[in-house]
């Protein structure tokens, strides 16, 4: 069965070409691939086939069918999981650095999905065969807490909470340079980088609303340790926003200095706190995971410039 992406066009998206609109909404698919799907008759507007050049209107119902990869059959793999919460509806795990969340080109084994399938046996099917149970994602080299849904009821409710910004997400990050303000907010729209389609960037025209709050936890010579709070959840949001304000993440080869720092393989970013309302019980669940040893060791090598208490 193909995966169906449904959208209702908002006022600020009116007038965009259908292929542009879909490329902005489905950030993991390239515009050229979306154009191919449209040409194959897999896109519709208000239940009728549509061309790539169609200009979307407010409240249009847009749907795109994305076929599953041919011949792909996922099987669970006995990969250890650091489980922080689990019941019959949801499971929250502390994802290690270096683990991809779900299968994609170049990563057809060893993912979090493979580990979850082995442990849980059954996950929600809303996101198709390659992403069972996956409601949100963390980048490969970002460690921390991620929630997965074991059934469609839980998946739909968690997706609603993400959409309505009812999920608590706090991150710890080490960035280049000294952040002067003790607290601050980056409010800058994010979209595909027009010069490099493999990257995201702050894009004023057709970018998606994105807001990241930050608080300084400790300053070091040449570096600042931050706590970050996501108000929105765009692809690479923290990485793009911090690079935009001149303080890219340490170890981030895509949005920061090319040369490695502290021998880190990937960015210094940890999803430390995750909070949500249980889909069935309604009770609030808030969990916290400490920095992984590799990142904690980096902080121990640095000498503080001040006496502020460090993050947990």
C-alpha atoms as a PDB file:
ATOM      1  CA  UNK A   1       0.000   0.000   0.000  1.00  0.00           C
ATOM      2  CA  UNK A   2       1.301   3.475  -0.827  1.00  0.00           C
ATOM      3  CA  UNK A   3       1.822   6.043   1.926  1.00  0.00           C
ATOM      4  CA  UNK A   4      -0.691   8.889   1.594  1.00  0.00           C
ATOM      5  CA  UNK A   5       0.266  12.425   2.586  1.00  0.00           C
ATOM      6  CA  UNK A   6      -2.862  14.604   3.115  1.00  0.00           C
ATOM      7  CA  UNK A   7      -2.710  18.382   3.522  1.00  0.00           C
ATOM      8  CA  UNK A   8      -5.146  21.274   3.757  1.00  0.00           C
ATOM      9  CA  UNK A   9      -3.724  24.404   2.152  1.00  0.00           C
ATOM     10  CA  UNK A  10      -3.332  27.345   4.526  1.00  0.00           C
ATOM     11  CA  UNK A  11      -3.887  30.986   3.582  1.00  0.00           C
ATOM     12  CA  UNK A  12      -0.154  31.784   3.462  1.00  0.00           C
ATOM     13  CA  UNK A  13       0.485  28.916   1.011  1.00  0.00           C
ATOM     14  CA  UNK A  14      -2.079  30.156  -1.522  1.00  0.00           C
ATOM     15  CA  UNK A  15      -0.743  30.617  -5.045  1.00  0.00           C
ATOM     16  CA  UNK A  16       2.146  28.154  -4.785  1.00  0.00           C
ATOM     17  CA  UNK A  17       2.628  25.575  -7.501  1.00  0.00           C
ATOM     18  CA  UNK A  18       1.470  22.147  -6.396  1.00  0.00           C
ATOM     19  CA  UNK A  19       4.949  20.621  -6.727  1.00  0.00           C
ATOM     20  CA  UNK A  20       6.496  23.476  -4.724  1.00  0.00           C
ATOM     21  CA  UNK A  21       3.847  23.206  -2.020  1.00  0.00           C
ATOM     22  CA  UNK A  22       4.375  19.439  -1.669  1.00  0.00           C
ATOM     23  CA  UNK A  23       8.177  19.747  -1.664  1.00  0.00           C
ATOM     24  CA  UNK A  24       7.941  22.202   1.231  1.00  0.00           C
ATOM     25  CA  UNK A  25       5.473  20.048   3.153  1.00  0.00           C
ATOM     26  CA  UNK A  26       7.289  16.705   2.612  1.00  0.00           C
ATOM     27  CA  UNK A  27      10.842  17.718   3.299  1.00  0.00           C
ATOM     28  CA  UNK A  28      12.313  14.213   2.972  1.00  0.00           C
ATOM     29  CA  UNK A  29      11.286  14.008  -0.714  1.00  0.00           C
ATOM     30  CA  UNK A  30      13.009  15.955  -3.469  1.00  0.00           C
ATOM     31  CA  UNK A  31      10.998  18.210  -5.731  1.00  0.00           C
ATOM     32  CA  UNK A  32      12.057  16.191  -8.788  1.00  0.00           C
ATOM     33  CA  UNK A  33      10.741  12.969  -7.220  1.00  0.00           C
ATOM     34  CA  UNK A  34       7.485  14.708  -6.281  1.00  0.00           C
ATOM     35  CA  UNK A  35       7.142  15.932  -9.865  1.00  0.00           C
ATOM     36  CA  UNK A  36       7.544  12.337 -11.065  1.00  0.00           C
ATOM     37  CA  UNK A  37       4.817  11.154  -8.689  1.00  0.00           C
ATOM     38  CA  UNK A  38       2.518  13.926  -9.894  1.00  0.00           C
ATOM     39  CA  UNK A  39       3.234  12.978 -13.512  1.00  0.00           C
ATOM     40  CA  UNK A  40       2.343   9.378 -12.613  1.00  0.00           C
ATOM     41  CA  UNK A  41      -1.092  10.557 -11.459  1.00  0.00           C
ATOM     42  CA  UNK A  42      -0.413  10.085  -7.734  1.00  0.00           C
ATOM     43  CA  UNK A  43      -1.361  13.628  -6.662  1.00  0.00           C
ATOM     44  CA  UNK A  44      -4.866  14.992  -6.283  1.00  0.00           C
ATOM     45  CA  UNK A  45      -6.512  18.252  -5.279  1.00  0.00           C
ATOM     46  CA  UNK A  46     -10.011  18.007  -3.837  1.00  0.00           C
ATOM     47  CA  UNK A  47     -10.086  14.325  -4.901  1.00  0.00           C
ATOM     48  CA  UNK A  48      -9.339  15.153  -8.575  1.00  0.00           C
ATOM     49  CA  UNK A  49      -6.026  14.530 -10.411  1.00  0.00           C
ATOM     50  CA  UNK A  50      -3.841  17.628 -10.611  1.00  0.00           C
ATOM     51  CA  UNK A  51      -0.820  18.890 -12.534  1.00  0.00           C
ATOM     52  CA  UNK A  52       2.446  20.090 -11.000  1.00  0.00           C
ATOM     53  CA  UNK A  53       1.729  23.606 -12.256  1.00  0.00           C
ATOM     54  CA  UNK A  54      -1.612  23.874 -10.446  1.00  0.00           C
ATOM     55  CA  UNK A  55      -1.704  26.877  -8.089  1.00  0.00           C
ATOM     56  CA  UNK A  56      -3.078  25.790  -4.726  1.00  0.00           C
ATOM     57  CA  UNK A  57      -5.891  27.699  -3.040  1.00  0.00           C
ATOM     58  CA  UNK A  58      -6.799  28.119   0.651  1.00  0.00           C
ATOM     59  CA  UNK A  59      -8.588  25.054   2.057  1.00  0.00           C
ATOM     60  CA  UNK A  60      -7.701  22.889  -0.952  1.00  0.00           C
ATOM     61  CA  UNK A  61      -7.384  19.241   0.103  1.00  0.00           C
ATOM     62  CA  UNK A  62      -4.107  18.014  -1.385  1.00  0.00           C
ATOM     63  CA  UNK A  63      -3.085  14.347  -1.301  1.00  0.00           C
ATOM     64  CA  UNK A  64       0.064  12.654  -2.551  1.00  0.00           C
ATOM     65  CA  UNK A  65       0.519   8.901  -2.742  1.00  0.00           C
ATOM     66  CA  UNK A  66       4.101   7.707  -2.267  1.00  0.00           C
ATOM     67  CA  UNK A  67       4.664   4.075  -3.270  1.00  0.00           C
ATOM     68  CA  UNK A  68       6.548   1.817  -0.891  1.00  0.00           C
ATOM     69  CA  UNK A  69      10.046   0.786  -2.007  1.00  0.00           C
ATOM     70  CA  UNK A  70       9.769  -2.328  -4.143  1.00  0.00           C
ATOM     71  CA  UNK A  71      10.833  -5.572  -2.548  1.00  0.00           C
ATOM     72  CA  UNK A  72      11.505  -4.041   0.877  1.00  0.00           C
ATOM     73  CA  UNK A  73      10.436  -6.213   3.798  1.00  0.00           C
ATOM     74  CA  UNK A  74      11.394  -5.035   7.248  1.00  0.00           C
ATOM     75  CA  UNK A  75      12.359  -7.566   9.893  1.00  0.00           C
ATOM     76  CA  UNK A  76      13.204  -6.893  13.505  1.00  0.00           C
ATOM     77  CA  UNK A  77      16.844  -6.970  14.533  1.00  0.00           C
ATOM     78  CA  UNK A  78      18.062  -7.771  18.080  1.00  0.00           C
ATOM     79  CA  UNK A  79      19.488  -4.310  18.753  1.00  0.00           C
ATOM     80  CA  UNK A  80      19.539  -3.228  22.424  1.00  0.00           C
ATOM     81  CA  UNK A  81      17.162  -0.423  23.379  1.00  0.00           C
ATOM     82  CA  UNK A  82      17.523   2.045  26.258  1.00  0.00           C
ATOM     83  CA  UNK A  83      13.838   2.126  27.241  1.00  0.00           C
ATOM     84  CA  UNK A  84      12.570   4.993  29.444  1.00  0.00           C
ATOM     85  CA  UNK A  85       8.839   4.243  29.279  1.00  0.00           C
ATOM     86  CA  UNK A  86       6.676   1.557  27.721  1.00  0.00           C
ATOM     87  CA  UNK A  87       3.087   0.329  27.806  1.00  0.00           C
ATOM     88  CA  UNK A  88       0.618  -1.116  25.303  1.00  0.00           C
ATOM     89  CA  UNK A  89       0.281   2.202  23.431  1.00  0.00           C
ATOM     90  CA  UNK A  90       3.674   3.918  23.377  1.00  0.00           C
ATOM     91  CA  UNK A  91       7.368   3.337  23.917  1.00  0.00           C
ATOM     92  CA  UNK A  92       9.987   6.000  24.674  1.00  0.00           C
ATOM     93  CA  UNK A  93      13.640   5.176  24.085  1.00  0.00           C
ATOM     94  CA  UNK A  94      16.917   7.031  24.440  1.00  0.00           C
ATOM     95  CA  UNK A  95      18.361   6.854  20.920  1.00  0.00           C
ATOM     96  CA  UNK A  96      22.163   6.646  20.740  1.00  0.00           C
ATOM     97  CA  UNK A  97      24.289   8.856  18.526  1.00  0.00           C
ATOM     98  CA  UNK A  98      24.962   7.319  15.147  1.00  0.00           C
ATOM     99  CA  UNK A  99      21.650   5.435  14.859  1.00  0.00           C
ATOM    100  CA  UNK A 100      19.291   6.241  11.983  1.00  0.00           C
ATOM    101  CA  UNK A 101      15.621   6.358  13.012  1.00  0.00           C
ATOM    102  CA  UNK A 102      14.053   4.603  10.017  1.00  0.00           C
ATOM    103  CA  UNK A 103      15.216   2.868   6.823  1.00  0.00           C
ATOM    104  CA  UNK A 104      16.095   5.066   3.875  1.00  0.00           C
ATOM    105  CA  UNK A 105      18.459   4.952   0.955  1.00  0.00           C
ATOM    106  CA  UNK A 106      21.830   3.722   2.231  1.00  0.00           C
ATOM    107  CA  UNK A 107      20.429   2.627   5.613  1.00  0.00           C
ATOM    108  CA  UNK A 108      18.353  -0.541   5.211  1.00  0.00           C
ATOM    109  CA  UNK A 109      19.435  -2.202   8.468  1.00  0.00           C
ATOM    110  CA  UNK A 110      20.474  -1.299  11.988  1.00  0.00           C
ATOM    111  CA  UNK A 111      17.887   1.458  12.399  1.00  0.00           C
ATOM    112  CA  UNK A 112      15.729   2.278  15.396  1.00  0.00           C
ATOM    113  CA  UNK A 113      12.736   0.869  13.519  1.00  0.00           C
ATOM    114  CA  UNK A 114      14.507  -2.504  13.176  1.00  0.00           C
ATOM    115  CA  UNK A 115      15.200  -2.509  16.922  1.00  0.00           C
ATOM    116  CA  UNK A 116      11.606  -1.549  17.759  1.00  0.00           C
ATOM    117  CA  UNK A 117      10.144  -4.236  15.493  1.00  0.00           C
ATOM    118  CA  UNK A 118      12.213  -6.889  17.255  1.00  0.00           C
ATOM    119  CA  UNK A 119      11.224  -5.644  20.705  1.00  0.00           C
ATOM    120  CA  UNK A 120       7.571  -4.662  20.176  1.00  0.00           C
ATOM    121  CA  UNK A 121       6.510  -7.005  17.340  1.00  0.00           C
ATOM    122  CA  UNK A 122       3.699  -4.581  16.456  1.00  0.00           C
ATOM    123  CA  UNK A 123       3.786  -0.837  15.708  1.00  0.00           C
ATOM    124  CA  UNK A 124       1.379   1.673  14.179  1.00  0.00           C
ATOM    125  CA  UNK A 125       1.097   1.429  10.414  1.00  0.00           C
ATOM    126  CA  UNK A 126       0.133   4.998   9.565  1.00  0.00           C
ATOM    127  CA  UNK A 127       3.565   5.927   8.228  1.00  0.00           C
ATOM    128  CA  UNK A 128       3.891   2.883   5.991  1.00  0.00           C
ATOM    129  CA  UNK A 129       6.230  -0.079   5.880  1.00  0.00           C
ATOM    130  CA  UNK A 130       9.482   1.890   6.241  1.00  0.00           C
ATOM    131  CA  UNK A 131       8.434   3.994   9.247  1.00  0.00           C
ATOM    132  CA  UNK A 132       6.136   1.923  11.479  1.00  0.00           C
ATOM    133  CA  UNK A 133       5.472   3.631  14.794  1.00  0.00           C
ATOM    134  CA  UNK A 134       7.506   6.713  13.961  1.00  0.00           C
ATOM    135  CA  UNK A 135       5.748   9.939  14.954  1.00  0.00           C
ATOM    136  CA  UNK A 136       8.786  12.247  15.003  1.00  0.00           C
ATOM    137  CA  UNK A 137      12.477  11.922  14.275  1.00  0.00           C
ATOM    138  CA  UNK A 138      15.947  12.760  15.505  1.00  0.00           C
ATOM    139  CA  UNK A 139      18.923  13.190  13.186  1.00  0.00           C
ATOM    140  CA  UNK A 140      21.351  10.271  12.980  1.00  0.00           C
ATOM    141  CA  UNK A 141      23.982  11.928  15.180  1.00  0.00           C
ATOM    142  CA  UNK A 142      21.532  13.508  17.635  1.00  0.00           C
ATOM    143  CA  UNK A 143      21.063  11.413  20.753  1.00  0.00           C
ATOM    144  CA  UNK A 144      18.111  11.451  23.104  1.00  0.00           C
ATOM    145  CA  UNK A 145      14.479  10.680  23.752  1.00  0.00           C
ATOM    146  CA  UNK A 146      12.054   9.677  21.026  1.00  0.00           C
ATOM    147  CA  UNK A 147       8.512   8.317  21.355  1.00  0.00           C
ATOM    148  CA  UNK A 148       7.045   5.655  19.042  1.00  0.00           C
ATOM    149  CA  UNK A 149       3.419   4.529  18.732  1.00  0.00           C
ATOM    150  CA  UNK A 150       2.388   0.889  19.030  1.00  0.00           C
ATOM    151  CA  UNK A 151      -1.001   1.382  17.390  1.00  0.00           C
ATOM    152  CA  UNK A 152      -2.795   3.820  15.101  1.00  0.00           C
ATOM    153  CA  UNK A 153      -4.887   5.314  17.924  1.00  0.00           C
ATOM    154  CA  UNK A 154      -1.761   6.373  19.824  1.00  0.00           C
ATOM    155  CA  UNK A 155      -0.064   7.539  16.633  1.00  0.00           C
ATOM    156  CA  UNK A 156      -2.901   9.864  15.630  1.00  0.00           C
ATOM    157  CA  UNK A 157      -3.138  11.386  19.097  1.00  0.00           C
ATOM    158  CA  UNK A 158       0.618  11.970  19.383  1.00  0.00           C
ATOM    159  CA  UNK A 159       0.653  13.478  15.880  1.00  0.00           C
ATOM    160  CA  UNK A 160      -2.105  15.856  16.988  1.00  0.00           C
ATOM    161  CA  UNK A 161      -0.082  16.880  20.036  1.00  0.00           C
ATOM    162  CA  UNK A 162       2.949  17.620  17.873  1.00  0.00           C
ATOM    163  CA  UNK A 163       0.814  19.630  15.448  1.00  0.00           C
ATOM    164  CA  UNK A 164      -0.810  21.601  18.289  1.00  0.00           C
ATOM    165  CA  UNK A 165       2.590  22.182  19.944  1.00  0.00           C
ATOM    166  CA  UNK A 166       1.618  20.340  23.107  1.00  0.00           C
ATOM    167  CA  UNK A 167       4.820  18.283  23.205  1.00  0.00           C
ATOM    168  CA  UNK A 168       7.665  19.426  25.476  1.00  0.00           C
ATOM    169  CA  UNK A 169      11.099  19.093  23.861  1.00  0.00           C
ATOM    170  CA  UNK A 170      14.308  20.405  25.401  1.00  0.00           C
ATOM    171  CA  UNK A 171      17.802  19.841  24.071  1.00  0.00           C
ATOM    172  CA  UNK A 172      21.359  20.379  25.289  1.00  0.00           C
ATOM    173  CA  UNK A 173      23.922  21.676  22.817  1.00  0.00           C
ATOM    174  CA  UNK A 174      27.503  22.934  22.695  1.00  0.00           C
ATOM    175  CA  UNK A 175      28.005  25.732  20.170  1.00  0.00           C
ATOM    176  CA  UNK A 176      30.915  27.713  18.798  1.00  0.00           C
ATOM    177  CA  UNK A 177      31.520  31.175  20.198  1.00  0.00           C
ATOM    178  CA  UNK A 178      30.268  33.020  23.255  1.00  0.00           C
ATOM    179  CA  UNK A 179      26.525  33.620  23.279  1.00  0.00           C
ATOM    180  CA  UNK A 180      26.154  37.010  24.964  1.00  0.00           C
ATOM    181  CA  UNK A 181      22.475  37.022  25.903  1.00  0.00           C
ATOM    182  CA  UNK A 182      21.512  34.762  28.794  1.00  0.00           C
ATOM    183  CA  UNK A 183      18.250  33.859  27.055  1.00  0.00           C
ATOM    184  CA  UNK A 184      16.882  34.455  23.596  1.00  0.00           C
ATOM    185  CA  UNK A 185      14.626  33.314  20.774  1.00  0.00           C
ATOM    186  CA  UNK A 186      15.392  32.621  17.135  1.00  0.00           C
ATOM    187  CA  UNK A 187      12.273  33.241  15.054  1.00  0.00           C
ATOM    188  CA  UNK A 188      13.235  32.640  11.417  1.00  0.00           C
ATOM    189  CA  UNK A 189      11.496  30.614   8.686  1.00  0.00           C
ATOM    190  CA  UNK A 190      13.176  27.460   7.400  1.00  0.00           C
ATOM    191  CA  UNK A 191      13.050  25.871   3.959  1.00  0.00           C
ATOM    192  CA  UNK A 192      15.238  24.101   1.433  1.00  0.00           C
ATOM    193  CA  UNK A 193      18.519  25.890   0.803  1.00  0.00           C
ATOM    194  CA  UNK A 194      18.122  27.246  -2.760  1.00  0.00           C
ATOM    195  CA  UNK A 195      21.872  26.765  -3.342  1.00  0.00           C
ATOM    196  CA  UNK A 196      22.058  23.223  -1.928  1.00  0.00           C
ATOM    197  CA  UNK A 197      18.911  21.073  -1.954  1.00  0.00           C
ATOM    198  CA  UNK A 198      20.522  18.636   0.495  1.00  0.00           C
ATOM    199  CA  UNK A 199      20.510  21.309   3.203  1.00  0.00           C
ATOM    200  CA  UNK A 200      17.934  23.440   4.977  1.00  0.00           C
ATOM    201  CA  UNK A 201      18.364  27.162   5.532  1.00  0.00           C
ATOM    202  CA  UNK A 202      16.647  30.278   6.816  1.00  0.00           C
ATOM    203  CA  UNK A 203      14.534  31.200   3.795  1.00  0.00           C
ATOM    204  CA  UNK A 204      12.417  34.343   3.977  1.00  0.00           C
ATOM    205  CA  UNK A 205      10.395  33.520   0.845  1.00  0.00           C
ATOM    206  CA  UNK A 206       8.260  30.386   1.195  1.00  0.00           C
ATOM    207  CA  UNK A 207      10.082  29.282   4.348  1.00  0.00           C
ATOM    208  CA  UNK A 208       8.095  27.579   7.124  1.00  0.00           C
ATOM    209  CA  UNK A 209       7.552  29.288  10.481  1.00  0.00           C
ATOM    210  CA  UNK A 210      10.211  28.081  12.945  1.00  0.00           C
ATOM    211  CA  UNK A 211      10.938  29.197  16.517  1.00  0.00           C
ATOM    212  CA  UNK A 212      13.742  28.024  18.823  1.00  0.00           C
ATOM    213  CA  UNK A 213      14.266  29.338  22.341  1.00  0.00           C
ATOM    214  CA  UNK A 214      17.626  29.129  24.105  1.00  0.00           C
ATOM    215  CA  UNK A 215      19.152  29.624  27.549  1.00  0.00           C
ATOM    216  CA  UNK A 216      22.857  29.753  28.417  1.00  0.00           C
ATOM    217  CA  UNK A 217      23.871  27.056  30.878  1.00  0.00           C
ATOM    218  CA  UNK A 218      27.624  27.678  30.887  1.00  0.00           C
ATOM    219  CA  UNK A 219      30.258  29.569  28.931  1.00  0.00           C
ATOM    220  CA  UNK A 220      33.695  28.231  28.075  1.00  0.00           C
ATOM    221  CA  UNK A 221      36.593  29.833  26.173  1.00  0.00           C
ATOM    222  CA  UNK A 222      35.337  29.795  22.587  1.00  0.00           C
ATOM    223  CA  UNK A 223      32.182  27.762  23.314  1.00  0.00           C
ATOM    224  CA  UNK A 224      28.759  28.043  24.970  1.00  0.00           C
ATOM    225  CA  UNK A 225      26.664  25.252  26.463  1.00  0.00           C
ATOM    226  CA  UNK A 226      22.958  25.851  25.812  1.00  0.00           C
ATOM    227  CA  UNK A 227      19.553  24.501  26.695  1.00  0.00           C
ATOM    228  CA  UNK A 228      17.188  24.775  23.719  1.00  0.00           C
ATOM    229  CA  UNK A 229      13.422  24.550  23.521  1.00  0.00           C
ATOM    230  CA  UNK A 230      11.622  23.769  20.288  1.00  0.00           C
ATOM    231  CA  UNK A 231       8.349  25.569  19.659  1.00  0.00           C
ATOM    232  CA  UNK A 232       8.142  24.142  16.134  1.00  0.00           C
ATOM    233  CA  UNK A 233       9.676  21.030  14.600  1.00  0.00           C
ATOM    234  CA  UNK A 234      11.240  21.738  11.212  1.00  0.00           C
ATOM    235  CA  UNK A 235      13.910  19.534   9.658  1.00  0.00           C
ATOM    236  CA  UNK A 236      17.353  20.404  11.116  1.00  0.00           C
ATOM    237  CA  UNK A 237      15.723  23.340  12.930  1.00  0.00           C
ATOM    238  CA  UNK A 238      18.183  23.685  15.815  1.00  0.00           C
ATOM    239  CA  UNK A 239      21.192  23.170  13.562  1.00  0.00           C
ATOM    240  CA  UNK A 240      19.997  25.752  11.036  1.00  0.00           C
ATOM    241  CA  UNK A 241      18.934  28.356  13.610  1.00  0.00           C
ATOM    242  CA  UNK A 242      22.162  28.179  15.585  1.00  0.00           C
ATOM    243  CA  UNK A 243      24.231  28.458  12.428  1.00  0.00           C
ATOM    244  CA  UNK A 244      22.059  31.401  11.349  1.00  0.00           C
ATOM    245  CA  UNK A 245      22.873  33.392  14.519  1.00  0.00           C
ATOM    246  CA  UNK A 246      26.583  32.681  14.142  1.00  0.00           C
ATOM    247  CA  UNK A 247      26.874  29.912  16.751  1.00  0.00           C
ATOM    248  CA  UNK A 248      26.846  26.577  14.884  1.00  0.00           C
ATOM    249  CA  UNK A 249      26.814  23.313  16.780  1.00  0.00           C
ATOM    250  CA  UNK A 250      30.172  21.811  17.653  1.00  0.00           C
ATOM    251  CA  UNK A 251      30.817  18.798  15.425  1.00  0.00           C
ATOM    252  CA  UNK A 252      28.169  19.664  12.829  1.00  0.00           C
ATOM    253  CA  UNK A 253      29.781  19.085   9.401  1.00  0.00           C
ATOM    254  CA  UNK A 254      26.718  20.247   7.460  1.00  0.00           C
ATOM    255  CA  UNK A 255      26.021  23.599   9.099  1.00  0.00           C
ATOM    256  CA  UNK A 256      29.251  24.307  11.005  1.00  0.00           C
ATOM    257  CA  UNK A 257      33.020  24.235  10.494  1.00  0.00           C
ATOM    258  CA  UNK A 258      34.168  21.372   8.259  1.00  0.00           C
ATOM    259  CA  UNK A 259      37.059  20.318  10.470  1.00  0.00           C
ATOM    260  CA  UNK A 260      36.245  17.998  13.400  1.00  0.00           C
ATOM    261  CA  UNK A 261      36.205  19.250  16.994  1.00  0.00           C
ATOM    262  CA  UNK A 262      36.959  17.100  20.058  1.00  0.00           C
ATOM    263  CA  UNK A 263      37.054  14.089  17.683  1.00  0.00           C
ATOM    264  CA  UNK A 264      33.263  14.122  17.594  1.00  0.00           C
ATOM    265  CA  UNK A 265      31.573  12.249  14.790  1.00  0.00           C
ATOM    266  CA  UNK A 266      28.518  14.450  14.321  1.00  0.00           C
ATOM    267  CA  UNK A 267      26.952  17.387  16.132  1.00  0.00           C
ATOM    268  CA  UNK A 268      26.903  17.942  19.905  1.00  0.00           C
ATOM    269  CA  UNK A 269      23.120  17.839  20.328  1.00  0.00           C
ATOM    270  CA  UNK A 270      21.102  15.784  22.811  1.00  0.00           C
ATOM    271  CA  UNK A 271      17.301  15.560  23.119  1.00  0.00           C
ATOM    272  CA  UNK A 272      17.243  15.545  26.904  1.00  0.00           C
ATOM    273  CA  UNK A 273      13.587  16.147  27.833  1.00  0.00           C
ATOM    274  CA  UNK A 274      10.414  14.813  26.223  1.00  0.00           C
ATOM    275  CA  UNK A 275       6.943  15.461  27.597  1.00  0.00           C
ATOM    276  CA  UNK A 276       3.516  14.495  26.255  1.00  0.00           C
ATOM    277  CA  UNK A 277       0.026  13.518  27.364  1.00  0.00           C
ATOM    278  CA  UNK A 278      -0.612   9.781  27.256  1.00  0.00           C
ATOM    279  CA  UNK A 279      -2.851   9.142  24.211  1.00  0.00           C
ATOM    280  CA  UNK A 280      -5.280   6.890  26.078  1.00  0.00           C
ATOM    281  CA  UNK A 281      -4.937   7.799  29.753  1.00  0.00           C
ATOM    282  CA  UNK A 282      -4.499  11.553  29.362  1.00  0.00           C
ATOM    283  CA  UNK A 283      -1.872  11.670  32.107  1.00  0.00           C
ATOM    284  CA  UNK A 284       1.189  13.838  31.541  1.00  0.00           C
ATOM    285  CA  UNK A 285       4.462  11.994  31.000  1.00  0.00           C
ATOM    286  CA  UNK A 286       7.748  13.897  31.168  1.00  0.00           C
ATOM    287  CA  UNK A 287      11.075  12.106  30.910  1.00  0.00           C
ATOM    288  CA  UNK A 288      14.709  13.204  30.965  1.00  0.00           C
ATOM    289  CA  UNK A 289      17.845  11.471  29.719  1.00  0.00           C
ATOM    290  CA  UNK A 290      21.374  12.564  30.714  1.00  0.00           C
ATOM    291  CA  UNK A 291      24.070  13.451  28.208  1.00  0.00           C
ATOM    292  CA  UNK A 292      25.712  10.396  26.650  1.00  0.00           C
ATOM    293  CA  UNK A 293      29.245   9.717  27.896  1.00  0.00           C
ATOM    294  CA  UNK A 294      30.903  10.950  24.690  1.00  0.00           C
ATOM    295  CA  UNK A 295      29.319  14.389  25.031  1.00  0.00           C
ATOM    296  CA  UNK A 296      29.730  14.608  28.802  1.00  0.00           C
ATOM    297  CA  UNK A 297      33.454  13.932  28.313  1.00  0.00           C
ATOM    298  CA  UNK A 298      33.730  16.954  26.009  1.00  0.00           C
ATOM    299  CA  UNK A 299      32.317  19.259  28.695  1.00  0.00           C
ATOM    300  CA  UNK A 300      34.748  17.846  31.249  1.00  0.00           C
ATOM    301  CA  UNK A 301      37.654  18.894  29.025  1.00  0.00           C
ATOM    302  CA  UNK A 302      36.549  22.525  29.036  1.00  0.00           C
ATOM    303  CA  UNK A 303      37.258  25.152  31.707  1.00  0.00           C
ATOM    304  CA  UNK A 304      34.237  27.336  32.536  1.00  0.00           C
ATOM    305  CA  UNK A 305      34.473  31.096  32.054  1.00  0.00           C
ATOM    306  CA  UNK A 306      31.849  31.684  34.751  1.00  0.00           C
ATOM    307  CA  UNK A 307      30.277  30.014  37.757  1.00  0.00           C
ATOM    308  CA  UNK A 308      26.826  29.281  36.347  1.00  0.00           C
ATOM    309  CA  UNK A 309      25.559  25.785  37.127  1.00  0.00           C
ATOM    310  CA  UNK A 310      25.986  23.295  34.254  1.00  0.00           C
ATOM    311  CA  UNK A 311      23.065  21.528  32.623  1.00  0.00           C
ATOM    312  CA  UNK A 312      22.124  18.089  33.826  1.00  0.00           C
END
